[in-house]
Amino acid sequence: MGMLTQNEVYDEITRAQRDGRKLAVATIITTSGSTPQRTGAKLLVFDDGRMLGTVGGGCVEADVWAEAKTALDEARPRVCRFTLRDAPDAPPDEEGMICGGEMEVLIEVWK
């Protein structure tokens, strides 16, 4: 899934509220170095685990999804920082994050 337009984000929030479902909106608010997406990219995470949009894919997207699920469970927003590089001692066959940059993500909960 690619980048979401603002209208798509608002439509999904409206639909979730109408259906009585919770939704987390994860938005990249800062980046430094190399990152797979730019500031403003959004990932929507629904209370059933479904997601829409992208903040970069791969390992970082899985980490953002997990933080969004926690935010939904706690019904509280959060700001999270993600480092997009593996630990220096990670074996080459276990590397997953190769961009090398960092990003902060705001996770808002809509209910």
PDB file of N, CA and C in Angstrom:
ATOM      1  N   MET A   1       0.852  -1.181   0.000  1.00  0.00           N
ATOM      2  CA  MET A   1       0.000   0.000   0.000  1.00  0.00           C
ATOM      3  C   MET A   1       0.885   1.226   0.000  1.00  0.00           C
ATOM      4  N   GLY A   2       0.513   2.218  -0.763  1.00  0.00           N
ATOM      5  CA  GLY A   2       1.296   3.428  -0.862  1.00  0.00           C
ATOM      6  C   GLY A   2       0.844   4.502   0.106  1.00  0.00           C
ATOM      7  N   MET A   3       1.292   5.709  -0.191  1.00  0.00           N
ATOM      8  CA  MET A   3       0.962   6.860   0.640  1.00  0.00           C
ATOM      9  C   MET A   3      -0.542   7.125   0.585  1.00  0.00           C
ATOM     10  N   LEU A   4      -1.089   7.501   1.725  1.00  0.00           N
ATOM     11  CA  LEU A   4      -2.506   7.854   1.816  1.00  0.00           C
ATOM     12  C   LEU A   4      -2.669   9.353   1.617  1.00  0.00           C
ATOM     13  N   THR A   5      -3.741   9.742   0.950  1.00  0.00           N
ATOM     14  CA  THR A   5      -4.071  11.161   0.853  1.00  0.00           C
ATOM     15  C   THR A   5      -4.753  11.583   2.157  1.00  0.00           C
ATOM     16  N   GLN A   6      -4.770  12.873   2.399  1.00  0.00           N
ATOM     17  CA  GLN A   6      -5.461  13.380   3.589  1.00  0.00           C
ATOM     18  C   GLN A   6      -6.932  12.970   3.568  1.00  0.00           C
ATOM     19  N   ASN A   7      -7.566  13.047   2.406  1.00  0.00           N
ATOM     20  CA  ASN A   7      -8.974  12.659   2.311  1.00  0.00           C
ATOM     21  C   ASN A   7      -9.175  11.195   2.682  1.00  0.00           C
ATOM     22  N   GLU A   8      -8.268  10.326   2.238  1.00  0.00           N
ATOM     23  CA  GLU A   8      -8.379   8.904   2.588  1.00  0.00           C
ATOM     24  C   GLU A   8      -8.253   8.698   4.094  1.00  0.00           C
ATOM     25  N   VAL A   9      -7.323   9.419   4.715  1.00  0.00           N
ATOM     26  CA  VAL A   9      -7.150   9.312   6.167  1.00  0.00           C
ATOM     27  C   VAL A   9      -8.423   9.750   6.878  1.00  0.00           C
ATOM     28  N   TYR A  10      -8.955  10.908   6.507  1.00  0.00           N
ATOM     29  CA  TYR A  10     -10.168  11.414   7.155  1.00  0.00           C
ATOM     30  C   TYR A  10     -11.366  10.506   6.898  1.00  0.00           C
ATOM     31  N   ASP A  11     -11.457   9.951   5.689  1.00  0.00           N
ATOM     32  CA  ASP A  11     -12.548   9.011   5.391  1.00  0.00           C
ATOM     33  C   ASP A  11     -12.479   7.781   6.287  1.00  0.00           C
ATOM     34  N   GLU A  12     -11.277   7.260   6.501  1.00  0.00           N
ATOM     35  CA  GLU A  12     -11.111   6.075   7.351  1.00  0.00           C
ATOM     36  C   GLU A  12     -11.426   6.389   8.811  1.00  0.00           C
ATOM     37  N   ILE A  13     -11.009   7.568   9.289  1.00  0.00           N
ATOM     38  CA  ILE A  13     -11.320   7.975  10.665  1.00  0.00           C
ATOM     39  C   ILE A  13     -12.836   8.084  10.825  1.00  0.00           C
ATOM     40  N   THR A  14     -13.492   8.738   9.877  1.00  0.00           N
ATOM     41  CA  THR A  14     -14.946   8.904   9.927  1.00  0.00           C
ATOM     42  C   THR A  14     -15.649   7.554   9.918  1.00  0.00           C
ATOM     43  N   ARG A  15     -15.199   6.654   9.047  1.00  0.00           N
ATOM     44  CA  ARG A  15     -15.807   5.319   8.946  1.00  0.00           C
ATOM     45  C   ARG A  15     -15.634   4.545  10.264  1.00  0.00           C
ATOM     46  N   ALA A  16     -14.434   4.591  10.847  1.00  0.00           N
ATOM     47  CA  ALA A  16     -14.184   3.884  12.107  1.00  0.00           C
ATOM     48  C   ALA A  16     -15.066   4.445  13.220  1.00  0.00           C
ATOM     49  N   GLN A  17     -15.167   5.773  13.307  1.00  0.00           N
ATOM     50  CA  GLN A  17     -16.010   6.382  14.339  1.00  0.00           C
ATOM     51  C   GLN A  17     -17.470   6.016  14.141  1.00  0.00           C
ATOM     52  N   ARG A  18     -17.929   6.033  12.897  1.00  0.00           N
ATOM     53  CA  ARG A  18     -19.306   5.667  12.599  1.00  0.00           C
ATOM     54  C   ARG A  18     -19.592   4.223  13.016  1.00  0.00           C
ATOM     55  N   ASP A  19     -18.604   3.340  12.831  1.00  0.00           N
ATOM     56  CA  ASP A  19     -18.768   1.925  13.152  1.00  0.00           C
ATOM     57  C   ASP A  19     -18.436   1.592  14.612  1.00  0.00           C
ATOM     58  N   GLY A  20     -18.054   2.614  15.398  1.00  0.00           N
ATOM     59  CA  GLY A  20     -17.732   2.390  16.799  1.00  0.00           C
ATOM     60  C   GLY A  20     -16.421   1.639  17.011  1.00  0.00           C
ATOM     61  N   ARG A  21     -15.466   1.802  16.080  1.00  0.00           N
ATOM     62  CA  ARG A  21     -14.181   1.114  16.156  1.00  0.00           C
ATOM     63  C   ARG A  21     -13.081   2.111  16.483  1.00  0.00           C
ATOM     64  N   LYS A  22     -12.031   1.632  17.148  1.00  0.00           N
ATOM     65  CA  LYS A  22     -10.867   2.476  17.409  1.00  0.00           C
ATOM     66  C   LYS A  22      -9.884   2.352  16.247  1.00  0.00           C
ATOM     67  N   LEU A  23      -9.126   3.424  16.059  1.00  0.00           N
ATOM     68  CA  LEU A  23      -8.172   3.510  14.969  1.00  0.00           C
ATOM     69  C   LEU A  23      -6.974   4.317  15.450  1.00  0.00           C
ATOM     70  N   ALA A  24      -5.769   3.855  15.135  1.00  0.00           N
ATOM     71  CA  ALA A  24      -4.561   4.622  15.426  1.00  0.00           C
ATOM     72  C   ALA A  24      -4.019   5.177  14.116  1.00  0.00           C
ATOM     73  N   VAL A  25      -3.626   6.447  14.153  1.00  0.00           N
ATOM     74  CA  VAL A  25      -3.006   7.089  13.000  1.00  0.00           C
ATOM     75  C   VAL A  25      -1.553   7.376  13.375  1.00  0.00           C
ATOM     76  N   ALA A  26      -0.639   6.683  12.706  1.00  0.00           N
ATOM     77  CA  ALA A  26       0.794   6.868  12.938  1.00  0.00           C
ATOM     78  C   ALA A  26       1.342   7.754  11.828  1.00  0.00           C
ATOM     79  N   THR A  27       1.953   8.884  12.214  1.00  0.00           N
ATOM     80  CA  THR A  27       2.454   9.860  11.250  1.00  0.00           C
ATOM     81  C   THR A  27       3.926  10.122  11.519  1.00  0.00           C
ATOM     82  N   ILE A  28       4.754  10.024  10.495  1.00  0.00           N
ATOM     83  CA  ILE A  28       6.166  10.378  10.651  1.00  0.00           C
ATOM     84  C   ILE A  28       6.240  11.886  10.846  1.00  0.00           C
ATOM     85  N   ILE A  29       6.834  12.312  11.981  1.00  0.00           N
ATOM     86  CA  ILE A  29       6.907  13.752  12.265  1.00  0.00           C
ATOM     87  C   ILE A  29       8.310  14.323  12.095  1.00  0.00           C
ATOM     88  N   THR A  30       9.348  13.506  12.209  1.00  0.00           N
ATOM     89  CA  THR A  30      10.713  13.961  11.920  1.00  0.00           C
ATOM     90  C   THR A  30      11.500  12.798  11.339  1.00  0.00           C
ATOM     91  N   THR A  31      12.469  13.145  10.504  1.00  0.00           N
ATOM     92  CA  THR A  31      13.408  12.147   9.993  1.00  0.00           C
ATOM     93  C   THR A  31      14.796  12.749  10.002  1.00  0.00           C
ATOM     94  N   SER A  32      15.795  11.883  10.102  1.00  0.00           N
ATOM     95  CA  SER A  32      17.182  12.296   9.905  1.00  0.00           C
ATOM     96  C   SER A  32      17.903  11.135   9.249  1.00  0.00           C
ATOM     97  N   GLY A  33      18.833  11.466   8.387  1.00  0.00           N
ATOM     98  CA  GLY A  33      19.537  10.424   7.649  1.00  0.00           C
ATOM     99  C   GLY A  33      18.614   9.780   6.626  1.00  0.00           C
ATOM    100  N   SER A  34      18.966   8.577   6.223  1.00  0.00           N
ATOM    101  CA  SER A  34      18.213   7.862   5.201  1.00  0.00           C
ATOM    102  C   SER A  34      17.036   7.114   5.829  1.00  0.00           C
ATOM    103  N   THR A  35      15.824   7.387   5.331  1.00  0.00           N
ATOM    104  CA  THR A  35      14.610   6.709   5.794  1.00  0.00           C
ATOM    105  C   THR A  35      13.772   6.324   4.573  1.00  0.00           C
ATOM    106  N   PRO A  36      12.972   5.259   4.688  1.00  0.00           N
ATOM    107  CA  PRO A  36      12.206   4.809   3.527  1.00  0.00           C
ATOM    108  C   PRO A  36      11.017   5.695   3.172  1.00  0.00           C
ATOM    109  N   GLN A  37      10.560   6.522   4.094  1.00  0.00           N
ATOM    110  CA  GLN A  37       9.456   7.439   3.827  1.00  0.00           C
ATOM    111  C   GLN A  37       9.805   8.810   4.376  1.00  0.00           C
ATOM    112  N   ARG A  38       9.080   9.807   3.921  1.00  0.00           N
ATOM    113  CA  ARG A  38       9.346  11.185   4.346  1.00  0.00           C
ATOM    114  C   ARG A  38       8.356  11.624   5.443  1.00  0.00           C
ATOM    115  N   THR A  39       8.634  12.764   6.012  1.00  0.00           N
ATOM    116  CA  THR A  39       7.755  13.348   7.010  1.00  0.00           C
ATOM    117  C   THR A  39       6.344  13.463   6.434  1.00  0.00           C
ATOM    118  N   GLY A  40       5.362  13.105   7.249  1.00  0.00           N
ATOM    119  CA  GLY A  40       3.968  13.182   6.825  1.00  0.00           C
ATOM    120  C   GLY A  40       3.387  11.849   6.400  1.00  0.00           C
ATOM    121  N   ALA A  41       4.221  10.855   6.104  1.00  0.00           N
ATOM    122  CA  ALA A  41       3.711   9.536   5.707  1.00  0.00           C
ATOM    123  C   ALA A  41       2.904   8.957   6.860  1.00  0.00           C
ATOM    124  N   LYS A  42       1.816   8.242   6.535  1.00  0.00           N
ATOM    125  CA  LYS A  42       0.903   7.746   7.560  1.00  0.00           C
ATOM    126  C   LYS A  42       0.642   6.257   7.409  1.00  0.00           C
ATOM    127  N   LEU A  43       0.482   5.617   8.568  1.00  0.00           N
ATOM    128  CA  LEU A  43       0.040   4.233   8.646  1.00  0.00           C
ATOM    129  C   LEU A  43      -1.167   4.207   9.570  1.00  0.00           C
ATOM    130  N   LEU A  44      -2.286   3.688   9.091  1.00  0.00           N
ATOM    131  CA  LEU A  44      -3.473   3.534   9.928  1.00  0.00           C
ATOM    132  C   LEU A  44      -3.490   2.112  10.451  1.00  0.00           C
ATOM    133  N   VAL A  45      -3.711   1.976  11.749  1.00  0.00           N
ATOM    134  CA  VAL A  45      -3.800   0.652  12.372  1.00  0.00           C
ATOM    135  C   VAL A  45      -5.159   0.571  13.056  1.00  0.00           C
ATOM    136  N   PHE A  46      -5.941  -0.420  12.636  1.00  0.00           N
ATOM    137  CA  PHE A  46      -7.288  -0.603  13.150  1.00  0.00           C
ATOM    138  C   PHE A  46      -7.271  -1.531  14.358  1.00  0.00           C
ATOM    139  N   ASP A  47      -8.321  -1.455  15.179  1.00  0.00           N
ATOM    140  CA  ASP A  47      -8.355  -2.258  16.401  1.00  0.00           C
ATOM    141  C   ASP A  47      -8.374  -3.761  16.137  1.00  0.00           C
ATOM    142  N   ASP A  48      -8.680  -4.176  14.902  1.00  0.00           N
ATOM    143  CA  ASP A  48      -8.635  -5.603  14.562  1.00  0.00           C
ATOM    144  C   ASP A  48      -7.272  -6.024  14.011  1.00  0.00           C
ATOM    145  N   GLY A  49      -6.290  -5.092  13.995  1.00  0.00           N
ATOM    146  CA  GLY A  49      -4.946  -5.397  13.532  1.00  0.00           C
ATOM    147  C   GLY A  49      -4.684  -5.057  12.079  1.00  0.00           C
ATOM    148  N   ARG A  50      -5.735  -4.786  11.340  1.00  0.00           N
ATOM    149  CA  ARG A  50      -5.583  -4.427   9.926  1.00  0.00           C
ATOM    150  C   ARG A  50      -4.854  -3.089   9.823  1.00  0.00           C
ATOM    151  N   MET A  51      -4.107  -2.895   8.731  1.00  0.00           N
ATOM    152  CA  MET A  51      -3.431  -1.621   8.539  1.00  0.00           C
ATOM    153  C   MET A  51      -3.589  -1.151   7.101  1.00  0.00           C
ATOM    154  N   LEU A  52      -3.409   0.149   6.944  1.00  0.00           N
ATOM    155  CA  LEU A  52      -3.581   0.806   5.650  1.00  0.00           C
ATOM    156  C   LEU A  52      -2.556   1.928   5.575  1.00  0.00           C
ATOM    157  N   GLY A  53      -1.902   2.086   4.438  1.00  0.00           N
ATOM    158  CA  GLY A  53      -0.867   3.104   4.287  1.00  0.00           C
ATOM    159  C   GLY A  53       0.497   2.515   4.556  1.00  0.00           C
ATOM    160  N   THR A  54       1.495   3.387   4.714  1.00  0.00           N
ATOM    161  CA  THR A  54       2.845   2.907   4.983  1.00  0.00           C
ATOM    162  C   THR A  54       3.700   3.997   5.627  1.00  0.00           C
ATOM    163  N   VAL A  55       4.595   3.564   6.487  1.00  0.00           N
ATOM    164  CA  VAL A  55       5.636   4.439   7.022  1.00  0.00           C
ATOM    165  C   VAL A  55       7.012   3.905   6.636  1.00  0.00           C
ATOM    166  N   GLY A  56       7.034   2.955   5.710  1.00  0.00           N
ATOM    167  CA  GLY A  56       8.322   2.495   5.206  1.00  0.00           C
ATOM    168  C   GLY A  56       8.446   1.011   4.951  1.00  0.00           C
ATOM    169  N   GLY A  57       7.536   0.221   5.463  1.00  0.00           N
ATOM    170  CA  GLY A  57       7.617  -1.220   5.241  1.00  0.00           C
ATOM    171  C   GLY A  57       8.633  -1.909   6.139  1.00  0.00           C
ATOM    172  N   GLY A  58       8.709  -3.215   5.988  1.00  0.00           N
ATOM    173  CA  GLY A  58       9.708  -4.018   6.670  1.00  0.00           C
ATOM    174  C   GLY A  58       9.654  -3.937   8.178  1.00  0.00           C
ATOM    175  N   CYS A  59      10.853  -4.004   8.768  1.00  0.00           N
ATOM    176  CA  CYS A  59      10.981  -4.057  10.232  1.00  0.00           C
ATOM    177  C   CYS A  59      10.408  -2.824  10.916  1.00  0.00           C
ATOM    178  N   VAL A  60      10.669  -1.642  10.373  1.00  0.00           N
ATOM    179  CA  VAL A  60      10.191  -0.428  11.039  1.00  0.00           C
ATOM    180  C   VAL A  60       8.668  -0.363  11.017  1.00  0.00           C
ATOM    181  N   GLU A  61       8.055  -0.818   9.935  1.00  0.00           N
ATOM    182  CA  GLU A  61       6.596  -0.794   9.875  1.00  0.00           C
ATOM    183  C   GLU A  61       6.005  -1.758  10.912  1.00  0.00           C
ATOM    184  N   ALA A  62       6.645  -2.895  11.101  1.00  0.00           N
ATOM    185  CA  ALA A  62       6.198  -3.847  12.128  1.00  0.00           C
ATOM    186  C   ALA A  62       6.323  -3.235  13.517  1.00  0.00           C
ATOM    187  N   ASP A  63       7.400  -2.495  13.749  1.00  0.00           N
ATOM    188  CA  ASP A  63       7.588  -1.836  15.052  1.00  0.00           C
ATOM    189  C   ASP A  63       6.546  -0.740  15.274  1.00  0.00           C
ATOM    190  N   VAL A  64       6.264   0.042  14.240  1.00  0.00           N
ATOM    191  CA  VAL A  64       5.244   1.098  14.353  1.00  0.00           C
ATOM    192  C   VAL A  64       3.881   0.456  14.600  1.00  0.00           C
ATOM    193  N   TRP A  65       3.575  -0.633  13.886  1.00  0.00           N
ATOM    194  CA  TRP A  65       2.305  -1.349  14.072  1.00  0.00           C
ATOM    195  C   TRP A  65       2.169  -1.798  15.530  1.00  0.00           C
ATOM    196  N   ALA A  66       3.232  -2.367  16.105  1.00  0.00           N
ATOM    197  CA  ALA A  66       3.187  -2.835  17.494  1.00  0.00           C
ATOM    198  C   ALA A  66       2.958  -1.674  18.461  1.00  0.00           C
ATOM    199  N   GLU A  67       3.618  -0.546  18.238  1.00  0.00           N
ATOM    200  CA  GLU A  67       3.419   0.631  19.095  1.00  0.00           C
ATOM    201  C   GLU A  67       1.993   1.165  18.941  1.00  0.00           C
ATOM    202  N   ALA A  68       1.466   1.129  17.733  1.00  0.00           N
ATOM    203  CA  ALA A  68       0.095   1.591  17.505  1.00  0.00           C
ATOM    204  C   ALA A  68      -0.902   0.685  18.211  1.00  0.00           C
ATOM    205  N   LYS A  69      -0.677  -0.622  18.186  1.00  0.00           N
ATOM    206  CA  LYS A  69      -1.569  -1.548  18.886  1.00  0.00           C
ATOM    207  C   LYS A  69      -1.532  -1.272  20.395  1.00  0.00           C
ATOM    208  N   THR A  70      -0.367  -0.990  20.946  1.00  0.00           N
ATOM    209  CA  THR A  70      -0.258  -0.658  22.365  1.00  0.00           C
ATOM    210  C   THR A  70      -0.997   0.641  22.653  1.00  0.00           C
ATOM    211  N   ALA A  71      -0.834   1.639  21.790  1.00  0.00           N
ATOM    212  CA  ALA A  71      -1.548   2.911  21.959  1.00  0.00           C
ATOM    213  C   ALA A  71      -3.052   2.682  21.933  1.00  0.00           C
ATOM    214  N   LEU A  72      -3.524   1.812  21.044  1.00  0.00           N
ATOM    215  CA  LEU A  72      -4.960   1.495  20.991  1.00  0.00           C
ATOM    216  C   LEU A  72      -5.416   0.823  22.280  1.00  0.00           C
ATOM    217  N   ASP A  73      -4.627  -0.138  22.764  1.00  0.00           N
ATOM    218  CA  ASP A  73      -4.983  -0.850  23.993  1.00  0.00           C
ATOM    219  C   ASP A  73      -5.055   0.095  25.191  1.00  0.00           C
ATOM    220  N   GLU A  74      -4.129   1.062  25.231  1.00  0.00           N
ATOM    221  CA  GLU A  74      -4.070   2.016  26.347  1.00  0.00           C
ATOM    222  C   GLU A  74      -4.945   3.243  26.105  1.00  0.00           C
ATOM    223  N   ALA A  75      -5.433   3.400  24.874  1.00  0.00           N
ATOM    224  CA  ALA A  75      -6.234   4.573  24.473  1.00  0.00           C
ATOM    225  C   ALA A  75      -5.489   5.874  24.773  1.00  0.00           C
ATOM    226  N   ARG A  76      -4.167   5.865  24.471  1.00  0.00           N
ATOM    227  CA  ARG A  76      -3.333   7.043  24.726  1.00  0.00           C
ATOM    228  C   ARG A  76      -2.391   7.279  23.558  1.00  0.00           C
ATOM    229  N   PRO A  77      -2.230   8.531  23.149  1.00  0.00           N
ATOM    230  CA  PRO A  77      -1.276   8.837  22.080  1.00  0.00           C
ATOM    231  C   PRO A  77       0.155   8.678  22.581  1.00  0.00           C
ATOM    232  N   ARG A  78       1.076   8.622  21.659  1.00  0.00           N
ATOM    233  CA  ARG A  78       2.488   8.506  22.018  1.00  0.00           C
ATOM    234  C   ARG A  78       3.360   8.992  20.874  1.00  0.00           C
ATOM    235  N   VAL A  79       4.582   9.360  21.202  1.00  0.00           N
ATOM    236  CA  VAL A  79       5.607   9.676  20.211  1.00  0.00           C
ATOM    237  C   VAL A  79       6.707   8.643  20.395  1.00  0.00           C
ATOM    238  N   CYS A  80       7.098   7.999  19.298  1.00  0.00           N
ATOM    239  CA  CYS A  80       8.113   6.946  19.350  1.00  0.00           C
ATOM    240  C   CYS A  80       9.250   7.290  18.401  1.00  0.00           C
ATOM    241  N   ARG A  81      10.462   6.922  18.797  1.00  0.00           N
ATOM    242  CA  ARG A  81      11.651   7.123  17.957  1.00  0.00           C
ATOM    243  C   ARG A  81      12.117   5.755  17.477  1.00  0.00           C
ATOM    244  N   PHE A  82      12.429   5.682  16.181  1.00  0.00           N
ATOM    245  CA  PHE A  82      12.886   4.434  15.580  1.00  0.00           C
ATOM    246  C   PHE A  82      14.227   4.661  14.900  1.00  0.00           C
ATOM    247  N   THR A  83      15.182   3.782  15.172  1.00  0.00           N
ATOM    248  CA  THR A  83      16.490   3.806  14.542  1.00  0.00           C
ATOM    249  C   THR A  83      16.502   2.742  13.462  1.00  0.00           C
ATOM    250  N   LEU A  84      16.839   3.138  12.260  1.00  0.00           N
ATOM    251  CA  LEU A  84      16.754   2.240  11.111  1.00  0.00           C
ATOM    252  C   LEU A  84      18.116   1.635  10.758  1.00  0.00           C
ATOM    253  N   ARG A  85      18.744   1.080  11.771  1.00  0.00           N
ATOM    254  CA  ARG A  85      19.997   0.347  11.558  1.00  0.00           C
ATOM    255  C   ARG A  85      20.087  -0.730  12.620  1.00  0.00           C
ATOM    256  N   ASP A  86      20.724  -1.806  12.259  1.00  0.00           N
ATOM    257  CA  ASP A  86      20.893  -2.906  13.185  1.00  0.00           C
ATOM    258  C   ASP A  86      21.988  -2.597  14.186  1.00  0.00           C
ATOM    259  N   ALA A  87      22.004  -3.350  15.252  1.00  0.00           N
ATOM    260  CA  ALA A  87      23.078  -3.245  16.230  1.00  0.00           C
ATOM    261  C   ALA A  87      24.390  -3.602  15.529  1.00  0.00           C
ATOM    262  N   PRO A  88      25.497  -2.959  15.909  1.00  0.00           N
ATOM    263  CA  PRO A  88      26.773  -3.205  15.233  1.00  0.00           C
ATOM    264  C   PRO A  88      27.208  -4.673  15.278  1.00  0.00           C
ATOM    265  N   ASP A  89      26.742  -5.418  16.271  1.00  0.00           N
ATOM    266  CA  ASP A  89      27.170  -6.814  16.395  1.00  0.00           C
ATOM    267  C   ASP A  89      26.185  -7.801  15.759  1.00  0.00           C
ATOM    268  N   ALA A  90      25.190  -7.300  15.015  1.00  0.00           N
ATOM    269  CA  ALA A  90      24.225  -8.198  14.363  1.00  0.00           C
ATOM    270  C   ALA A  90      24.905  -8.921  13.208  1.00  0.00           C
ATOM    271  N   PRO A  91      24.757 -10.258  13.144  1.00  0.00           N
ATOM    272  CA  PRO A  91      25.347 -11.004  12.025  1.00  0.00           C
ATOM    273  C   PRO A  91      24.718 -10.580  10.703  1.00  0.00           C
ATOM    274  N   PRO A  92      25.484 -10.611   9.601  1.00  0.00           N
ATOM    275  CA  PRO A  92      24.959 -10.152   8.304  1.00  0.00           C
ATOM    276  C   PRO A  92      23.686 -10.862   7.870  1.00  0.00           C
ATOM    277  N   ASP A  93      23.530 -12.137   8.200  1.00  0.00           N
ATOM    278  CA  ASP A  93      22.334 -12.861   7.774  1.00  0.00           C
ATOM    279  C   ASP A  93      21.111 -12.512   8.618  1.00  0.00           C
ATOM    280  N   GLU A  94      21.275 -11.733   9.683  1.00  0.00           N
ATOM    281  CA  GLU A  94      20.160 -11.326  10.532  1.00  0.00           C
ATOM    282  C   GLU A  94      19.855  -9.842  10.422  1.00  0.00           C
ATOM    283  N   GLU A  95      20.551  -9.152   9.526  1.00  0.00           N
ATOM    284  CA  GLU A  95      20.304  -7.724   9.371  1.00  0.00           C
ATOM    285  C   GLU A  95      18.928  -7.504   8.766  1.00  0.00           C
ATOM    286  N   GLY A  96      18.246  -6.475   9.227  1.00  0.00           N
ATOM    287  CA  GLY A  96      16.930  -6.183   8.706  1.00  0.00           C
ATOM    288  C   GLY A  96      16.737  -4.711   8.402  1.00  0.00           C
ATOM    289  N   MET A  97      17.436  -3.837   9.126  1.00  0.00           N
ATOM    290  CA  MET A  97      17.257  -2.404   8.940  1.00  0.00           C
ATOM    291  C   MET A  97      18.552  -1.838   8.369  1.00  0.00           C
ATOM    292  N   ILE A  98      18.473  -1.405   7.118  1.00  0.00           N
ATOM    293  CA  ILE A  98      19.696  -0.988   6.441  1.00  0.00           C
ATOM    294  C   ILE A  98      19.708   0.487   6.039  1.00  0.00           C
ATOM    295  N   CYS A  99      18.612   1.202   6.227  1.00  0.00           N
ATOM    296  CA  CYS A  99      18.556   2.605   5.793  1.00  0.00           C
ATOM    297  C   CYS A  99      19.577   3.462   6.531  1.00  0.00           C
ATOM    298  N   GLY A 100      19.683   3.255   7.838  1.00  0.00           N
ATOM    299  CA  GLY A 100      20.671   3.981   8.622  1.00  0.00           C
ATOM    300  C   GLY A 100      20.179   5.242   9.294  1.00  0.00           C
ATOM    301  N   GLY A 101      18.981   5.704   8.970  1.00  0.00           N
ATOM    302  CA  GLY A 101      18.479   6.946   9.548  1.00  0.00           C
ATOM    303  C   GLY A 101      17.669   6.734  10.811  1.00  0.00           C
ATOM    304  N   GLU A 102      16.989   7.783  11.215  1.00  0.00           N
ATOM    305  CA  GLU A 102      16.104   7.740  12.381  1.00  0.00           C
ATOM    306  C   GLU A 102      14.828   8.490  12.038  1.00  0.00           C
ATOM    307  N   MET A 103      13.757   8.113  12.713  1.00  0.00           N
ATOM    308  CA  MET A 103      12.511   8.846  12.527  1.00  0.00           C
ATOM    309  C   MET A 103      11.697   8.824  13.807  1.00  0.00           C
ATOM    310  N   GLU A 104      10.923   9.890  13.990  1.00  0.00           N
ATOM    311  CA  GLU A 104       9.965   9.971  15.092  1.00  0.00           C
ATOM    312  C   GLU A 104       8.572   9.846  14.500  1.00  0.00           C
ATOM    313  N   VAL A 105       7.726   9.112  15.220  1.00  0.00           N
ATOM    314  CA  VAL A 105       6.371   8.873  14.748  1.00  0.00           C
ATOM    315  C   VAL A 105       5.389   9.250  15.859  1.00  0.00           C
ATOM    316  N   LEU A 106       4.417  10.081  15.509  1.00  0.00           N
ATOM    317  CA  LEU A 106       3.314  10.423  16.405  1.00  0.00           C
ATOM    318  C   LEU A 106       2.205   9.417  16.160  1.00  0.00           C
ATOM    319  N   ILE A 107       1.722   8.787  17.233  1.00  0.00           N
ATOM    320  CA  ILE A 107       0.613   7.844  17.113  1.00  0.00           C
ATOM    321  C   ILE A 107      -0.563   8.425  17.865  1.00  0.00           C
ATOM    322  N   GLU A 108      -1.628   8.743  17.114  1.00  0.00           N
ATOM    323  CA  GLU A 108      -2.859   9.292  17.687  1.00  0.00           C
ATOM    324  C   GLU A 108      -3.920   8.206  17.703  1.00  0.00           C
ATOM    325  N   VAL A 109      -4.744   8.213  18.738  1.00  0.00           N
ATOM    326  CA  VAL A 109      -5.818   7.237  18.839  1.00  0.00           C
ATOM    327  C   VAL A 109      -7.156   7.942  18.621  1.00  0.00           C
ATOM    328  N   TRP A 110      -7.937   7.410  17.709  1.00  0.00           N
ATOM    329  CA  TRP A 110      -9.269   7.925  17.402  1.00  0.00           C
ATOM    330  C   TRP A 110     -10.282   6.882  17.814  1.00  0.00           C
ATOM    331  N   LYS A 111     -11.301   7.326  18.566  1.00  0.00           N
ATOM    332  CA  LYS A 111     -12.337   6.391  18.977  1.00  0.00           C
ATOM    333  C   LYS A 111     -13.695   7.022  18.892  1.00  0.00           C
TER     334      LYS A 111
END
